[in-house]
Amino acid sequence: MKIDNSGKALGAVSARPLEGRSAAKAEQAAEQDSVSINPLAAKLSNVTGAGKSESTFDADKVAAIRQAIAEGRFSVNSEKIADGLLSSVKELLAR
């Protein structure tokens, strides 16, 4: 098997009938190559897209933190981080 690392899509294998294969068999093979999306996957796609309207990046907050680090004023509250991690784990386990 040849692996193409060029990043370009390779041509469809069933685009032309193989030698010795009738046109009907080639068409049937092309139909078998079709893909359908599981309804659950479609629902997951909608769920992941729901949060896209909210901005999760605050450029002003990042700039303030960057400035605080540069000035040596930034401190990490390890208790707050640990509490957040524990609450996240509890939430995930409750599902």
N, C-alpha and C. Protein backbone atom coordinates (compact mmCIF):
# COMPACT_ATOMS: atom_id res chain seq x y z
N MET A 1 0.84 -1.16 0.00
CA MET A 1 0.00 0.00 0.00
C MET A 1 0.89 1.23 0.00
N LYS A 2 0.58 2.19 -0.84
CA LYS A 2 1.36 3.41 -0.94
C LYS A 2 0.68 4.50 -0.12
N ILE A 3 1.47 5.20 0.66
CA ILE A 3 0.94 6.31 1.46
C ILE A 3 1.43 7.60 0.84
N ASP A 4 0.49 8.50 0.57
CA ASP A 4 0.82 9.78 -0.04
C ASP A 4 0.80 10.85 1.03
N ASN A 5 1.94 11.45 1.32
CA ASN A 5 2.04 12.49 2.34
C ASN A 5 1.98 13.90 1.75
N SER A 6 1.55 14.03 0.52
CA SER A 6 1.54 15.34 -0.11
C SER A 6 0.38 16.21 0.37
N GLY A 7 -0.60 15.63 1.05
CA GLY A 7 -1.74 16.39 1.52
C GLY A 7 -2.83 16.54 0.49
N LYS A 8 -2.62 16.03 -0.70
CA LYS A 8 -3.62 16.12 -1.75
C LYS A 8 -4.50 14.88 -1.71
N ALA A 9 -5.76 15.05 -2.01
CA ALA A 9 -6.69 13.92 -2.03
C ALA A 9 -6.35 13.02 -3.21
N LEU A 10 -6.37 11.75 -2.97
CA LEU A 10 -6.12 10.79 -4.03
C LEU A 10 -7.41 10.55 -4.80
N GLY A 11 -7.30 10.20 -6.05
CA GLY A 11 -8.46 9.95 -6.89
C GLY A 11 -9.27 8.78 -6.38
N ALA A 12 -10.56 8.76 -6.68
CA ALA A 12 -11.43 7.67 -6.24
C ALA A 12 -11.03 6.38 -6.91
N VAL A 13 -11.00 5.32 -6.15
CA VAL A 13 -10.58 4.03 -6.68
C VAL A 13 -11.62 3.49 -7.64
N SER A 14 -12.90 3.70 -7.32
CA SER A 14 -13.95 3.13 -8.15
C SER A 14 -14.40 4.09 -9.26
N ALA A 15 -13.60 5.07 -9.59
CA ALA A 15 -13.98 6.02 -10.63
C ALA A 15 -14.01 5.37 -12.01
N ARG A 16 -13.15 4.38 -12.21
CA ARG A 16 -13.16 3.67 -13.49
C ARG A 16 -13.29 2.18 -13.21
N PRO A 17 -14.04 1.50 -14.01
CA PRO A 17 -14.21 0.07 -13.77
C PRO A 17 -12.89 -0.67 -13.93
N LEU A 18 -12.68 -1.67 -13.11
CA LEU A 18 -11.50 -2.50 -13.23
C LEU A 18 -11.64 -3.38 -14.46
N GLU A 19 -10.50 -3.78 -15.00
CA GLU A 19 -10.53 -4.65 -16.17
C GLU A 19 -11.24 -5.95 -15.82
N GLY A 20 -12.09 -6.43 -16.70
CA GLY A 20 -12.80 -7.66 -16.48
C GLY A 20 -14.07 -7.46 -15.65
N ARG A 21 -14.36 -6.26 -15.24
CA ARG A 21 -15.55 -5.98 -14.43
C ARG A 21 -16.59 -5.30 -15.32
N SER A 22 -17.81 -5.75 -15.26
CA SER A 22 -18.84 -5.15 -16.09
C SER A 22 -19.24 -3.80 -15.51
N ALA A 23 -19.89 -2.97 -16.33
CA ALA A 23 -20.32 -1.65 -15.89
C ALA A 23 -21.32 -1.77 -14.74
N ALA A 24 -22.18 -2.78 -14.77
CA ALA A 24 -23.17 -2.97 -13.71
C ALA A 24 -22.49 -3.28 -12.39
N LYS A 25 -21.46 -4.15 -12.43
CA LYS A 25 -20.74 -4.48 -11.21
C LYS A 25 -19.97 -3.27 -10.68
N ALA A 26 -19.43 -2.47 -11.58
CA ALA A 26 -18.71 -1.27 -11.17
C ALA A 26 -19.66 -0.28 -10.50
N GLU A 27 -20.87 -0.14 -11.05
CA GLU A 27 -21.87 0.76 -10.45
C GLU A 27 -22.30 0.24 -9.08
N GLN A 28 -22.48 -1.06 -8.97
CA GLN A 28 -22.87 -1.66 -7.70
C GLN A 28 -21.77 -1.44 -6.66
N ALA A 29 -20.52 -1.57 -7.06
CA ALA A 29 -19.41 -1.34 -6.14
C ALA A 29 -19.38 0.12 -5.70
N ALA A 30 -19.68 1.03 -6.61
CA ALA A 30 -19.70 2.45 -6.26
C ALA A 30 -20.80 2.73 -5.25
N GLU A 31 -21.95 2.07 -5.40
CA GLU A 31 -23.04 2.26 -4.46
C GLU A 31 -22.68 1.71 -3.08
N GLN A 32 -21.93 0.62 -3.04
CA GLN A 32 -21.52 0.04 -1.77
C GLN A 32 -20.50 0.92 -1.05
N ASP A 33 -19.81 1.77 -1.77
CA ASP A 33 -18.82 2.65 -1.18
C ASP A 33 -19.42 3.89 -0.54
N SER A 34 -20.73 4.02 -0.58
CA SER A 34 -21.36 5.22 -0.03
C SER A 34 -21.30 5.18 1.50
N VAL A 35 -21.40 6.34 2.10
CA VAL A 35 -21.30 6.48 3.55
C VAL A 35 -22.55 7.17 4.07
N SER A 36 -23.07 6.68 5.18
CA SER A 36 -24.19 7.37 5.81
C SER A 36 -23.79 7.71 7.24
N ILE A 37 -24.30 8.83 7.73
CA ILE A 37 -23.95 9.30 9.07
C ILE A 37 -24.93 8.73 10.08
N ASN A 38 -24.40 8.20 11.13
CA ASN A 38 -25.20 7.68 12.23
C ASN A 38 -26.00 8.83 12.84
N PRO A 39 -27.29 8.65 13.15
CA PRO A 39 -28.09 9.72 13.73
C PRO A 39 -27.48 10.26 15.03
N LEU A 40 -26.86 9.40 15.81
CA LEU A 40 -26.22 9.86 17.05
C LEU A 40 -25.07 10.81 16.75
N ALA A 41 -24.32 10.54 15.70
CA ALA A 41 -23.22 11.42 15.31
C ALA A 41 -23.75 12.78 14.89
N ALA A 42 -24.89 12.79 14.20
CA ALA A 42 -25.49 14.06 13.80
C ALA A 42 -25.91 14.87 15.02
N LYS A 43 -26.46 14.18 16.04
CA LYS A 43 -26.84 14.87 17.27
C LYS A 43 -25.62 15.43 17.98
N LEU A 44 -24.55 14.66 18.03
CA LEU A 44 -23.32 15.13 18.66
C LEU A 44 -22.77 16.35 17.93
N SER A 45 -22.88 16.36 16.64
CA SER A 45 -22.42 17.50 15.86
C SER A 45 -23.20 18.75 16.25
N ASN A 46 -24.51 18.62 16.44
CA ASN A 46 -25.32 19.75 16.85
C ASN A 46 -24.97 20.22 18.25
N VAL A 47 -24.68 19.28 19.15
CA VAL A 47 -24.34 19.64 20.53
C VAL A 47 -23.01 20.39 20.57
N THR A 48 -22.01 19.91 19.82
CA THR A 48 -20.72 20.58 19.84
C THR A 48 -20.79 21.94 19.18
N GLY A 49 -21.69 22.12 18.25
CA GLY A 49 -21.83 23.41 17.59
C GLY A 49 -22.61 24.41 18.43
N ALA A 50 -23.31 23.94 19.47
CA ALA A 50 -24.14 24.84 20.27
C ALA A 50 -23.31 25.87 21.02
N GLY A 51 -22.12 25.51 21.47
CA GLY A 51 -21.30 26.44 22.23
C GLY A 51 -20.47 27.37 21.39
N LYS A 52 -20.54 27.25 20.08
CA LYS A 52 -19.71 28.08 19.22
C LYS A 52 -20.12 29.55 19.23
N SER A 53 -21.36 29.84 19.59
CA SER A 53 -21.79 31.22 19.59
C SER A 53 -21.18 31.99 20.75
N GLU A 54 -20.79 31.28 21.81
CA GLU A 54 -20.16 31.92 22.95
C GLU A 54 -18.66 32.02 22.71
N SER A 55 -18.11 33.18 23.01
CA SER A 55 -16.68 33.35 22.86
C SER A 55 -15.98 32.83 24.11
N THR A 56 -15.05 31.91 23.93
CA THR A 56 -14.32 31.36 25.06
C THR A 56 -12.94 32.00 25.20
N PHE A 57 -12.63 32.96 24.36
CA PHE A 57 -11.34 33.61 24.39
C PHE A 57 -11.54 35.09 24.70
N ASP A 58 -10.95 35.54 25.78
CA ASP A 58 -11.04 36.94 26.18
C ASP A 58 -9.66 37.57 26.02
N ALA A 59 -9.47 38.30 24.94
CA ALA A 59 -8.15 38.87 24.62
C ALA A 59 -7.69 39.85 25.69
N ASP A 60 -8.62 40.61 26.27
CA ASP A 60 -8.26 41.57 27.31
C ASP A 60 -7.75 40.86 28.56
N LYS A 61 -8.41 39.75 28.92
CA LYS A 61 -7.98 38.99 30.09
C LYS A 61 -6.59 38.37 29.86
N VAL A 62 -6.36 37.87 28.66
CA VAL A 62 -5.06 37.30 28.33
C VAL A 62 -3.98 38.37 28.41
N ALA A 63 -4.26 39.55 27.91
CA ALA A 63 -3.29 40.65 27.96
C ALA A 63 -3.00 41.05 29.40
N ALA A 64 -4.04 41.07 30.25
CA ALA A 64 -3.85 41.42 31.66
C ALA A 64 -2.99 40.38 32.38
N ILE A 65 -3.24 39.11 32.09
CA ILE A 65 -2.44 38.04 32.71
C ILE A 65 -1.00 38.11 32.21
N ARG A 66 -0.83 38.35 30.92
CA ARG A 66 0.53 38.47 30.36
C ARG A 66 1.28 39.61 31.03
N GLN A 67 0.61 40.72 31.23
CA GLN A 67 1.23 41.88 31.88
C GLN A 67 1.58 41.56 33.33
N ALA A 68 0.68 40.88 34.04
CA ALA A 68 0.93 40.52 35.44
C ALA A 68 2.12 39.57 35.55
N ILE A 69 2.25 38.63 34.61
CA ILE A 69 3.40 37.72 34.62
C ILE A 69 4.68 38.50 34.38
N ALA A 70 4.65 39.40 33.41
CA ALA A 70 5.84 40.20 33.08
C ALA A 70 6.27 41.05 34.27
N GLU A 71 5.31 41.54 35.06
CA GLU A 71 5.62 42.39 36.21
C GLU A 71 5.86 41.59 37.49
N GLY A 72 5.67 40.27 37.42
CA GLY A 72 5.89 39.43 38.60
C GLY A 72 4.76 39.48 39.60
N ARG A 73 3.58 39.93 39.20
CA ARG A 73 2.42 40.03 40.09
C ARG A 73 1.50 38.82 40.00
N PHE A 74 1.71 37.94 39.06
CA PHE A 74 0.80 36.82 38.83
C PHE A 74 1.11 35.69 39.81
N SER A 75 0.09 35.20 40.48
CA SER A 75 0.27 34.05 41.37
C SER A 75 -0.80 33.02 41.05
N VAL A 76 -0.45 31.76 41.24
CA VAL A 76 -1.36 30.65 40.97
C VAL A 76 -1.96 30.20 42.29
N ASN A 77 -3.28 30.10 42.34
CA ASN A 77 -3.98 29.61 43.54
C ASN A 77 -4.23 28.12 43.34
N SER A 78 -3.34 27.30 43.87
CA SER A 78 -3.42 25.85 43.65
C SER A 78 -4.67 25.25 44.28
N GLU A 79 -5.16 25.81 45.38
CA GLU A 79 -6.38 25.30 46.01
C GLU A 79 -7.59 25.50 45.09
N LYS A 80 -7.65 26.65 44.43
CA LYS A 80 -8.77 26.92 43.51
C LYS A 80 -8.70 25.97 42.31
N ILE A 81 -7.50 25.71 41.81
CA ILE A 81 -7.34 24.80 40.68
C ILE A 81 -7.75 23.38 41.09
N ALA A 82 -7.31 22.94 42.26
CA ALA A 82 -7.66 21.60 42.74
C ALA A 82 -9.17 21.47 42.94
N ASP A 83 -9.79 22.49 43.53
CA ASP A 83 -11.24 22.45 43.71
C ASP A 83 -11.97 22.37 42.38
N GLY A 84 -11.50 23.12 41.41
CA GLY A 84 -12.12 23.07 40.08
C GLY A 84 -11.98 21.72 39.42
N LEU A 85 -10.80 21.11 39.55
CA LEU A 85 -10.59 19.77 38.98
C LEU A 85 -11.47 18.74 39.66
N LEU A 86 -11.57 18.81 40.98
CA LEU A 86 -12.42 17.86 41.71
C LEU A 86 -13.89 18.01 41.33
N SER A 87 -14.35 19.24 41.19
CA SER A 87 -15.75 19.44 40.81
C SER A 87 -16.02 18.94 39.40
N SER A 88 -15.04 19.10 38.51
CA SER A 88 -15.18 18.60 37.14
C SER A 88 -15.27 17.07 37.13
N VAL A 89 -14.43 16.43 37.92
CA VAL A 89 -14.44 14.97 37.99
C VAL A 89 -15.76 14.48 38.57
N LYS A 90 -16.24 15.15 39.62
CA LYS A 90 -17.51 14.75 40.23
C LYS A 90 -18.65 14.89 39.22
N GLU A 91 -18.63 15.97 38.45
CA GLU A 91 -19.66 16.19 37.44
C GLU A 91 -19.62 15.11 36.38
N LEU A 92 -18.42 14.75 35.93
CA LEU A 92 -18.29 13.71 34.91
C LEU A 92 -18.73 12.35 35.43
N LEU A 93 -18.40 12.06 36.68
CA LEU A 93 -18.81 10.76 37.26
C LEU A 93 -20.31 10.68 37.48
N ALA A 94 -20.96 11.82 37.69
CA ALA A 94 -22.40 11.83 37.94
C ALA A 94 -23.21 11.56 36.67
N ARG A 95 -22.59 11.70 35.52
CA ARG A 95 -23.31 11.50 34.25
C ARG A 95 -23.61 10.08 33.99
